[in-house]
Amino acid sequence: MTMTSMKAKIVRVRIEEGKTGLFYATSPDLKGLLVAEPNLDELDKAIPKSIVDLFAASDLHVVVTKAEDGEDDLTPWVAVPAVVAKAAMEAAR
């Protein structure tokens, strides 16, 4: 794992309501992110799983959490490498 992959990454997510009533999440920061759910609560639950899955496809295991509200129409999520999160948790003990 390179040092670059050891840093947390911000993934800005754009949420839009489609014409059929579904809500969609995409990201200018994470190629391939496309999540669709019937309501915002379900979308909010599906976004971190999709981010985890996309990073895992590149063999990078991350822990994902929502950050404070962003600017404009983009909501920031933070993807922290699992090894970094684990080390931080152990250091906090």
PDB file of N, CA and C in Angstrom:
ATOM      1  N   MET A   1       0.843  -1.175   0.000  1.00  0.00           N
ATOM      2  CA  MET A   1       0.000   0.000   0.000  1.00  0.00           C
ATOM      3  C   MET A   1       0.892   1.243   0.000  1.00  0.00           C
ATOM      4  N   THR A   2       0.642   2.156  -0.898  1.00  0.00           N
ATOM      5  CA  THR A   2       1.467   3.351  -0.987  1.00  0.00           C
ATOM      6  C   THR A   2       1.057   4.367   0.063  1.00  0.00           C
ATOM      7  N   MET A   3       1.928   5.328   0.311  1.00  0.00           N
ATOM      8  CA  MET A   3       1.612   6.381   1.278  1.00  0.00           C
ATOM      9  C   MET A   3       0.403   7.194   0.828  1.00  0.00           C
ATOM     10  N   THR A   4       0.226   7.384  -0.481  1.00  0.00           N
ATOM     11  CA  THR A   4      -0.920   8.125  -0.987  1.00  0.00           C
ATOM     12  C   THR A   4      -2.214   7.431  -0.616  1.00  0.00           C
ATOM     13  N   SER A   5      -2.233   6.104  -0.672  1.00  0.00           N
ATOM     14  CA  SER A   5      -3.450   5.369  -0.353  1.00  0.00           C
ATOM     15  C   SER A   5      -3.701   5.304   1.154  1.00  0.00           C
ATOM     16  N   MET A   6      -2.754   5.766   1.966  1.00  0.00           N
ATOM     17  CA  MET A   6      -2.901   5.745   3.417  1.00  0.00           C
ATOM     18  C   MET A   6      -3.587   6.992   3.954  1.00  0.00           C
ATOM     19  N   LYS A   7      -3.952   7.912   3.088  1.00  0.00           N
ATOM     20  CA  LYS A   7      -4.596   9.141   3.525  1.00  0.00           C
ATOM     21  C   LYS A   7      -6.104   9.033   3.358  1.00  0.00           C
ATOM     22  N   ALA A   8      -6.837   9.737   4.221  1.00  0.00           N
ATOM     23  CA  ALA A   8      -8.289   9.808   4.077  1.00  0.00           C
ATOM     24  C   ALA A   8      -8.616  10.590   2.810  1.00  0.00           C
ATOM     25  N   LYS A   9      -9.715  10.230   2.192  1.00  0.00           N
ATOM     26  CA  LYS A   9     -10.131  10.895   0.970  1.00  0.00           C
ATOM     27  C   LYS A   9     -11.535  11.455   1.157  1.00  0.00           C
ATOM     28  N   ILE A  10     -11.752  12.664   0.657  1.00  0.00           N
ATOM     29  CA  ILE A  10     -13.074  13.274   0.666  1.00  0.00           C
ATOM     30  C   ILE A  10     -13.772  12.877  -0.629  1.00  0.00           C
ATOM     31  N   VAL A  11     -14.976  12.360  -0.506  1.00  0.00           N
ATOM     32  CA  VAL A  11     -15.785  12.009  -1.665  1.00  0.00           C
ATOM     33  C   VAL A  11     -17.039  12.889  -1.611  1.00  0.00           C
ATOM     34  N   ARG A  12     -17.088  13.863  -2.513  1.00  0.00           N
ATOM     35  CA  ARG A  12     -18.257  14.741  -2.562  1.00  0.00           C
ATOM     36  C   ARG A  12     -19.349  14.051  -3.370  1.00  0.00           C
ATOM     37  N   VAL A  13     -20.562  14.059  -2.806  1.00  0.00           N
ATOM     38  CA  VAL A  13     -21.674  13.343  -3.425  1.00  0.00           C
ATOM     39  C   VAL A  13     -22.799  14.322  -3.750  1.00  0.00           C
ATOM     40  N   ARG A  14     -23.276  14.221  -4.977  1.00  0.00           N
ATOM     41  CA  ARG A  14     -24.400  15.036  -5.443  1.00  0.00           C
ATOM     42  C   ARG A  14     -25.650  14.166  -5.405  1.00  0.00           C
ATOM     43  N   ILE A  15     -26.708  14.686  -4.786  1.00  0.00           N
ATOM     44  CA  ILE A  15     -27.973  13.967  -4.705  1.00  0.00           C
ATOM     45  C   ILE A  15     -29.014  14.718  -5.521  1.00  0.00           C
ATOM     46  N   GLU A  16     -29.701  13.954  -6.371  1.00  0.00           N
ATOM     47  CA  GLU A  16     -30.733  14.542  -7.217  1.00  0.00           C
ATOM     48  C   GLU A  16     -31.951  13.626  -7.226  1.00  0.00           C
ATOM     49  N   GLU A  17     -33.116  14.235  -7.397  1.00  0.00           N
ATOM     50  CA  GLU A  17     -34.337  13.450  -7.534  1.00  0.00           C
ATOM     51  C   GLU A  17     -34.624  13.265  -9.014  1.00  0.00           C
ATOM     52  N   GLY A  18     -34.817  12.025  -9.412  1.00  0.00           N
ATOM     53  CA  GLY A  18     -35.099  11.718 -10.803  1.00  0.00           C
ATOM     54  C   GLY A  18     -36.562  11.928 -11.144  1.00  0.00           C
ATOM     55  N   LYS A  19     -36.869  11.825 -12.412  1.00  0.00           N
ATOM     56  CA  LYS A  19     -38.237  12.039 -12.892  1.00  0.00           C
ATOM     57  C   LYS A  19     -39.182  10.919 -12.475  1.00  0.00           C
ATOM     58  N   THR A  20     -38.640   9.746 -12.168  1.00  0.00           N
ATOM     59  CA  THR A  20     -39.486   8.607 -11.786  1.00  0.00           C
ATOM     60  C   THR A  20     -39.693   8.504 -10.283  1.00  0.00           C
ATOM     61  N   GLY A  21     -39.181   9.469  -9.518  1.00  0.00           N
ATOM     62  CA  GLY A  21     -39.353   9.454  -8.073  1.00  0.00           C
ATOM     63  C   GLY A  21     -38.194   8.852  -7.312  1.00  0.00           C
ATOM     64  N   LEU A  22     -37.213   8.283  -8.009  1.00  0.00           N
ATOM     65  CA  LEU A  22     -36.027   7.765  -7.337  1.00  0.00           C
ATOM     66  C   LEU A  22     -35.066   8.903  -7.022  1.00  0.00           C
ATOM     67  N   PHE A  23     -34.263   8.707  -5.987  1.00  0.00           N
ATOM     68  CA  PHE A  23     -33.201   9.651  -5.652  1.00  0.00           C
ATOM     69  C   PHE A  23     -31.875   9.034  -6.081  1.00  0.00           C
ATOM     70  N   TYR A  24     -31.018   9.842  -6.684  1.00  0.00           N
ATOM     71  CA  TYR A  24     -29.745   9.374  -7.234  1.00  0.00           C
ATOM     72  C   TYR A  24     -28.578  10.078  -6.559  1.00  0.00           C
ATOM     73  N   ALA A  25     -27.508   9.332  -6.346  1.00  0.00           N
ATOM     74  CA  ALA A  25     -26.266   9.885  -5.815  1.00  0.00           C
ATOM     75  C   ALA A  25     -25.154   9.593  -6.809  1.00  0.00           C
ATOM     76  N   THR A  26     -24.398  10.638  -7.158  1.00  0.00           N
ATOM     77  CA  THR A  26     -23.225  10.508  -8.020  1.00  0.00           C
ATOM     78  C   THR A  26     -22.110  11.334  -7.396  1.00  0.00           C
ATOM     79  N   SER A  27     -20.900  11.165  -7.914  1.00  0.00           N
ATOM     80  CA  SER A  27     -19.777  11.908  -7.355  1.00  0.00           C
ATOM     81  C   SER A  27     -18.802  12.334  -8.443  1.00  0.00           C
ATOM     82  N   PRO A  28     -18.383  13.615  -8.407  1.00  0.00           N
ATOM     83  CA  PRO A  28     -17.332  14.046  -9.322  1.00  0.00           C
ATOM     84  C   PRO A  28     -15.950  13.550  -8.877  1.00  0.00           C
ATOM     85  N   ASP A  29     -15.862  13.036  -7.650  1.00  0.00           N
ATOM     86  CA  ASP A  29     -14.582  12.607  -7.085  1.00  0.00           C
ATOM     87  C   ASP A  29     -14.334  11.105  -7.181  1.00  0.00           C
ATOM     88  N   LEU A  30     -15.388  10.323  -7.358  1.00  0.00           N
ATOM     89  CA  LEU A  30     -15.259   8.869  -7.338  1.00  0.00           C
ATOM     90  C   LEU A  30     -15.956   8.297  -8.564  1.00  0.00           C
ATOM     91  N   LYS A  31     -15.157   8.025  -9.565  1.00  0.00           N
ATOM     92  CA  LYS A  31     -15.680   7.498 -10.819  1.00  0.00           C
ATOM     93  C   LYS A  31     -16.443   6.197 -10.573  1.00  0.00           C
ATOM     94  N   GLY A  32     -17.616   6.102 -11.155  1.00  0.00           N
ATOM     95  CA  GLY A  32     -18.413   4.895 -11.031  1.00  0.00           C
ATOM     96  C   GLY A  32     -19.460   4.926  -9.946  1.00  0.00           C
ATOM     97  N   LEU A  33     -19.439   5.949  -9.090  1.00  0.00           N
ATOM     98  CA  LEU A  33     -20.444   6.005  -8.028  1.00  0.00           C
ATOM     99  C   LEU A  33     -21.788   6.401  -8.627  1.00  0.00           C
ATOM    100  N   LEU A  34     -22.727   5.514  -8.532  1.00  0.00           N
ATOM    101  CA  LEU A  34     -24.104   5.766  -8.940  1.00  0.00           C
ATOM    102  C   LEU A  34     -24.992   4.916  -8.057  1.00  0.00           C
ATOM    103  N   VAL A  35     -25.761   5.576  -7.221  1.00  0.00           N
ATOM    104  CA  VAL A  35     -26.644   4.898  -6.285  1.00  0.00           C
ATOM    105  C   VAL A  35     -28.051   5.430  -6.516  1.00  0.00           C
ATOM    106  N   ALA A  36     -29.036   4.552  -6.539  1.00  0.00           N
ATOM    107  CA  ALA A  36     -30.434   4.949  -6.702  1.00  0.00           C
ATOM    108  C   ALA A  36     -31.275   4.260  -5.641  1.00  0.00           C
ATOM    109  N   GLU A  37     -32.116   5.026  -4.963  1.00  0.00           N
ATOM    110  CA  GLU A  37     -33.000   4.482  -3.929  1.00  0.00           C
ATOM    111  C   GLU A  37     -34.323   5.254  -3.967  1.00  0.00           C
ATOM    112  N   PRO A  38     -35.380   4.654  -3.428  1.00  0.00           N
ATOM    113  CA  PRO A  38     -36.699   5.292  -3.485  1.00  0.00           C
ATOM    114  C   PRO A  38     -36.883   6.467  -2.525  1.00  0.00           C
ATOM    115  N   ASN A  39     -36.016   6.575  -1.508  1.00  0.00           N
ATOM    116  CA  ASN A  39     -36.138   7.708  -0.585  1.00  0.00           C
ATOM    117  C   ASN A  39     -34.752   8.113  -0.068  1.00  0.00           C
ATOM    118  N   LEU A  40     -34.700   9.289   0.549  1.00  0.00           N
ATOM    119  CA  LEU A  40     -33.410   9.829   0.990  1.00  0.00           C
ATOM    120  C   LEU A  40     -32.787   9.031   2.127  1.00  0.00           C
ATOM    121  N   ASP A  41     -33.605   8.465   3.009  1.00  0.00           N
ATOM    122  CA  ASP A  41     -33.048   7.660   4.107  1.00  0.00           C
ATOM    123  C   ASP A  41     -32.324   6.431   3.577  1.00  0.00           C
ATOM    124  N   GLU A  42     -32.943   5.745   2.629  1.00  0.00           N
ATOM    125  CA  GLU A  42     -32.314   4.561   2.040  1.00  0.00           C
ATOM    126  C   GLU A  42     -31.066   4.948   1.241  1.00  0.00           C
ATOM    127  N   LEU A  43     -31.132   6.077   0.566  1.00  0.00           N
ATOM    128  CA  LEU A  43     -29.977   6.545  -0.196  1.00  0.00           C
ATOM    129  C   LEU A  43     -28.810   6.829   0.742  1.00  0.00           C
ATOM    130  N   ASP A  44     -29.099   7.465   1.870  1.00  0.00           N
ATOM    131  CA  ASP A  44     -28.072   7.802   2.852  1.00  0.00           C
ATOM    132  C   ASP A  44     -27.410   6.547   3.423  1.00  0.00           C
ATOM    133  N   LYS A  45     -28.137   5.454   3.504  1.00  0.00           N
ATOM    134  CA  LYS A  45     -27.587   4.183   3.976  1.00  0.00           C
ATOM    135  C   LYS A  45     -26.773   3.480   2.879  1.00  0.00           C
ATOM    136  N   ALA A  46     -27.188   3.643   1.625  1.00  0.00           N
ATOM    137  CA  ALA A  46     -26.542   2.938   0.517  1.00  0.00           C
ATOM    138  C   ALA A  46     -25.254   3.615   0.049  1.00  0.00           C
ATOM    139  N   ILE A  47     -25.145   4.909   0.227  1.00  0.00           N
ATOM    140  CA  ILE A  47     -23.969   5.643  -0.256  1.00  0.00           C
ATOM    141  C   ILE A  47     -22.664   5.117   0.349  1.00  0.00           C
ATOM    142  N   PRO A  48     -22.547   4.992   1.683  1.00  0.00           N
ATOM    143  CA  PRO A  48     -21.256   4.530   2.219  1.00  0.00           C
ATOM    144  C   PRO A  48     -20.900   3.110   1.762  1.00  0.00           C
ATOM    145  N   LYS A  49     -21.886   2.241   1.633  1.00  0.00           N
ATOM    146  CA  LYS A  49     -21.607   0.875   1.158  1.00  0.00           C
ATOM    147  C   LYS A  49     -21.068   0.912  -0.265  1.00  0.00           C
ATOM    148  N   SER A  50     -21.636   1.758  -1.094  1.00  0.00           N
ATOM    149  CA  SER A  50     -21.164   1.863  -2.477  1.00  0.00           C
ATOM    150  C   SER A  50     -19.746   2.429  -2.537  1.00  0.00           C
ATOM    151  N   ILE A  51     -19.455   3.402  -1.682  1.00  0.00           N
ATOM    152  CA  ILE A  51     -18.100   3.967  -1.637  1.00  0.00           C
ATOM    153  C   ILE A  51     -17.107   2.889  -1.201  1.00  0.00           C
ATOM    154  N   VAL A  52     -17.454   2.136  -0.168  1.00  0.00           N
ATOM    155  CA  VAL A  52     -16.600   1.041   0.307  1.00  0.00           C
ATOM    156  C   VAL A  52     -16.350   0.039  -0.824  1.00  0.00           C
ATOM    157  N   ASP A  53     -17.411  -0.328  -1.539  1.00  0.00           N
ATOM    158  CA  ASP A  53     -17.285  -1.306  -2.625  1.00  0.00           C
ATOM    159  C   ASP A  53     -16.389  -0.800  -3.751  1.00  0.00           C
ATOM    160  N   LEU A  54     -16.517   0.479  -4.102  1.00  0.00           N
ATOM    161  CA  LEU A  54     -15.686   1.023  -5.178  1.00  0.00           C
ATOM    162  C   LEU A  54     -14.213   1.074  -4.785  1.00  0.00           C
ATOM    163  N   PHE A  55     -13.910   1.446  -3.550  1.00  0.00           N
ATOM    164  CA  PHE A  55     -12.519   1.439  -3.097  1.00  0.00           C
ATOM    165  C   PHE A  55     -11.992   0.002  -3.029  1.00  0.00           C
ATOM    166  N   ALA A  56     -12.840  -0.943  -2.584  1.00  0.00           N
ATOM    167  CA  ALA A  56     -12.427  -2.346  -2.492  1.00  0.00           C
ATOM    168  C   ALA A  56     -12.066  -2.904  -3.870  1.00  0.00           C
ATOM    169  N   ALA A  57     -12.722  -2.406  -4.901  1.00  0.00           N
ATOM    170  CA  ALA A  57     -12.399  -2.854  -6.262  1.00  0.00           C
ATOM    171  C   ALA A  57     -10.964  -2.485  -6.641  1.00  0.00           C
ATOM    172  N   SER A  58     -10.409  -1.474  -5.966  1.00  0.00           N
ATOM    173  CA  SER A  58      -9.010  -1.079  -6.174  1.00  0.00           C
ATOM    174  C   SER A  58      -8.119  -1.637  -5.078  1.00  0.00           C
ATOM    175  N   ASP A  59      -8.626  -2.621  -4.337  1.00  0.00           N
ATOM    176  CA  ASP A  59      -7.901  -3.280  -3.250  1.00  0.00           C
ATOM    177  C   ASP A  59      -7.526  -2.323  -2.120  1.00  0.00           C
ATOM    178  N   LEU A  60      -8.402  -1.356  -1.859  1.00  0.00           N
ATOM    179  CA  LEU A  60      -8.207  -0.446  -0.734  1.00  0.00           C
ATOM    180  C   LEU A  60      -9.430  -0.559   0.164  1.00  0.00           C
ATOM    181  N   HIS A  61      -9.208  -0.996   1.378  1.00  0.00           N
ATOM    182  CA  HIS A  61     -10.306  -1.186   2.325  1.00  0.00           C
ATOM    183  C   HIS A  61     -10.445   0.069   3.175  1.00  0.00           C
ATOM    184  N   VAL A  62     -11.652   0.647   3.152  1.00  0.00           N
ATOM    185  CA  VAL A  62     -11.889   1.914   3.829  1.00  0.00           C
ATOM    186  C   VAL A  62     -13.081   1.814   4.766  1.00  0.00           C
ATOM    187  N   VAL A  63     -13.106   2.758   5.702  1.00  0.00           N
ATOM    188  CA  VAL A  63     -14.241   2.991   6.581  1.00  0.00           C
ATOM    189  C   VAL A  63     -14.805   4.337   6.140  1.00  0.00           C
ATOM    190  N   VAL A  64     -16.118   4.406   5.948  1.00  0.00           N
ATOM    191  CA  VAL A  64     -16.723   5.614   5.385  1.00  0.00           C
ATOM    192  C   VAL A  64     -17.710   6.223   6.372  1.00  0.00           C
ATOM    193  N   THR A  65     -17.645   7.546   6.492  1.00  0.00           N
ATOM    194  CA  THR A  65     -18.593   8.273   7.318  1.00  0.00           C
ATOM    195  C   THR A  65     -18.943   9.591   6.645  1.00  0.00           C
ATOM    196  N   LYS A  66     -20.112  10.077   6.948  1.00  0.00           N
ATOM    197  CA  LYS A  66     -20.574  11.343   6.395  1.00  0.00           C
ATOM    198  C   LYS A  66     -19.938  12.486   7.182  1.00  0.00           C
ATOM    199  N   ALA A  67     -19.495  13.495   6.479  1.00  0.00           N
ATOM    200  CA  ALA A  67     -18.929  14.684   7.118  1.00  0.00           C
ATOM    201  C   ALA A  67     -20.035  15.728   7.269  1.00  0.00           C
ATOM    202  N   GLU A  68     -19.696  16.841   7.882  1.00  0.00           N
ATOM    203  CA  GLU A  68     -20.673  17.922   7.987  1.00  0.00           C
ATOM    204  C   GLU A  68     -21.083  18.371   6.600  1.00  0.00           C
ATOM    205  N   ASP A  69     -22.253  18.962   6.521  1.00  0.00           N
ATOM    206  CA  ASP A  69     -22.768  19.399   5.224  1.00  0.00           C
ATOM    207  C   ASP A  69     -21.762  20.246   4.478  1.00  0.00           C
ATOM    208  N   GLY A  70     -21.712  20.014   3.190  1.00  0.00           N
ATOM    209  CA  GLY A  70     -20.786  20.723   2.326  1.00  0.00           C
ATOM    210  C   GLY A  70     -21.410  21.968   1.732  1.00  0.00           C
ATOM    211  N   GLU A  71     -20.783  22.414   0.692  1.00  0.00           N
ATOM    212  CA  GLU A  71     -21.250  23.605   0.000  1.00  0.00           C
ATOM    213  C   GLU A  71     -22.107  23.207  -1.187  1.00  0.00           C
ATOM    214  N   ASP A  72     -22.938  24.129  -1.614  1.00  0.00           N
ATOM    215  CA  ASP A  72     -23.758  23.947  -2.806  1.00  0.00           C
ATOM    216  C   ASP A  72     -24.553  22.652  -2.736  1.00  0.00           C
ATOM    217  N   ASP A  73     -24.466  21.862  -3.762  1.00  0.00           N
ATOM    218  CA  ASP A  73     -25.260  20.645  -3.833  1.00  0.00           C
ATOM    219  C   ASP A  73     -24.424  19.385  -3.629  1.00  0.00           C
ATOM    220  N   LEU A  74     -23.250  19.522  -3.021  1.00  0.00           N
ATOM    221  CA  LEU A  74     -22.372  18.378  -2.789  1.00  0.00           C
ATOM    222  C   LEU A  74     -22.229  18.105  -1.297  1.00  0.00           C
ATOM    223  N   THR A  75     -22.473  16.848  -0.914  1.00  0.00           N
ATOM    224  CA  THR A  75     -22.325  16.437   0.478  1.00  0.00           C
ATOM    225  C   THR A  75     -21.020  15.661   0.616  1.00  0.00           C
ATOM    226  N   PRO A  76     -20.152  16.047   1.552  1.00  0.00           N
ATOM    227  CA  PRO A  76     -18.882  15.331   1.698  1.00  0.00           C
ATOM    228  C   PRO A  76     -19.012  14.069   2.554  1.00  0.00           C
ATOM    229  N   TRP A  77     -18.376  13.009   2.079  1.00  0.00           N
ATOM    230  CA  TRP A  77     -18.205  11.773   2.820  1.00  0.00           C
ATOM    231  C   TRP A  77     -16.696  11.562   2.950  1.00  0.00           C
ATOM    232  N   VAL A  78     -16.263  10.933   4.022  1.00  0.00           N
ATOM    233  CA  VAL A  78     -14.837  10.702   4.245  1.00  0.00           C
ATOM    234  C   VAL A  78     -14.572   9.208   4.211  1.00  0.00           C
ATOM    235  N   ALA A  79     -13.620   8.817   3.360  1.00  0.00           N
ATOM    236  CA  ALA A  79     -13.188   7.422   3.260  1.00  0.00           C
ATOM    237  C   ALA A  79     -11.808   7.320   3.902  1.00  0.00           C
ATOM    238  N   VAL A  80     -11.746   6.664   5.052  1.00  0.00           N
ATOM    239  CA  VAL A  80     -10.499   6.508   5.798  1.00  0.00           C
ATOM    240  C   VAL A  80      -9.993   5.084   5.593  1.00  0.00           C
ATOM    241  N   PRO A  81      -8.737   4.918   5.169  1.00  0.00           N
ATOM    242  CA  PRO A  81      -8.209   3.563   5.041  1.00  0.00           C
ATOM    243  C   PRO A  81      -8.404   2.789   6.350  1.00  0.00           C
ATOM    244  N   ALA A  82      -8.854   1.558   6.242  1.00  0.00           N
ATOM    245  CA  ALA A  82      -9.169   0.753   7.425  1.00  0.00           C
ATOM    246  C   ALA A  82      -7.970   0.606   8.355  1.00  0.00           C
ATOM    247  N   VAL A  83      -6.761   0.482   7.794  1.00  0.00           N
ATOM    248  CA  VAL A  83      -5.575   0.331   8.644  1.00  0.00           C
ATOM    249  C   VAL A  83      -5.319   1.604   9.448  1.00  0.00           C
ATOM    250  N   VAL A  84      -5.625   2.751   8.877  1.00  0.00           N
ATOM    251  CA  VAL A  84      -5.459   4.029   9.585  1.00  0.00           C
ATOM    252  C   VAL A  84      -6.509   4.142  10.686  1.00  0.00           C
ATOM    253  N   ALA A  85      -7.753   3.781  10.375  1.00  0.00           N
ATOM    254  CA  ALA A  85      -8.817   3.834  11.374  1.00  0.00           C
ATOM    255  C   ALA A  85      -8.522   2.889  12.530  1.00  0.00           C
ATOM    256  N   LYS A  86      -8.038   1.697  12.213  1.00  0.00           N
ATOM    257  CA  LYS A  86      -7.706   0.710  13.245  1.00  0.00           C
ATOM    258  C   LYS A  86      -6.598   1.228  14.146  1.00  0.00           C
ATOM    259  N   ALA A  87      -5.555   1.798  13.550  1.00  0.00           N
ATOM    260  CA  ALA A  87      -4.441   2.341  14.332  1.00  0.00           C
ATOM    261  C   ALA A  87      -4.895   3.485  15.233  1.00  0.00           C
ATOM    262  N   ALA A  88      -5.781   4.313  14.735  1.00  0.00           N
ATOM    263  CA  ALA A  88      -6.292   5.425  15.542  1.00  0.00           C
ATOM    264  C   ALA A  88      -7.122   4.917  16.721  1.00  0.00           C
ATOM    265  N   MET A  89      -7.920   3.881  16.487  1.00  0.00           N
ATOM    266  CA  MET A  89      -8.722   3.310  17.561  1.00  0.00           C
ATOM    267  C   MET A  89      -7.828   2.667  18.633  1.00  0.00           C
ATOM    268  N   GLU A  90      -6.780   1.986  18.207  1.00  0.00           N
ATOM    269  CA  GLU A  90      -5.879   1.352  19.165  1.00  0.00           C
ATOM    270  C   GLU A  90      -5.096   2.400  19.950  1.00  0.00           C
ATOM    271  N   ALA A  91      -4.726   3.489  19.310  1.00  0.00           N
ATOM    272  CA  ALA A  91      -3.992   4.556  19.990  1.00  0.00           C
ATOM    273  C   ALA A  91      -4.874   5.272  21.018  1.00  0.00           C
ATOM    274  N   ALA A  92      -6.183   5.272  20.794  1.00  0.00           N
ATOM    275  CA  ALA A  92      -7.104   5.965  21.682  1.00  0.00           C
ATOM    276  C   ALA A  92      -7.408   5.153  22.948  1.00  0.00           C
ATOM    277  N   ARG A  93      -7.004   3.905  22.961  1.00  0.00           N
ATOM    278  CA  ARG A  93      -7.285   3.059  24.144  1.00  0.00           C
ATOM    279  C   ARG A  93      -6.430   3.398  25.310  1.00  0.00           C
TER     280      ARG A  93
END
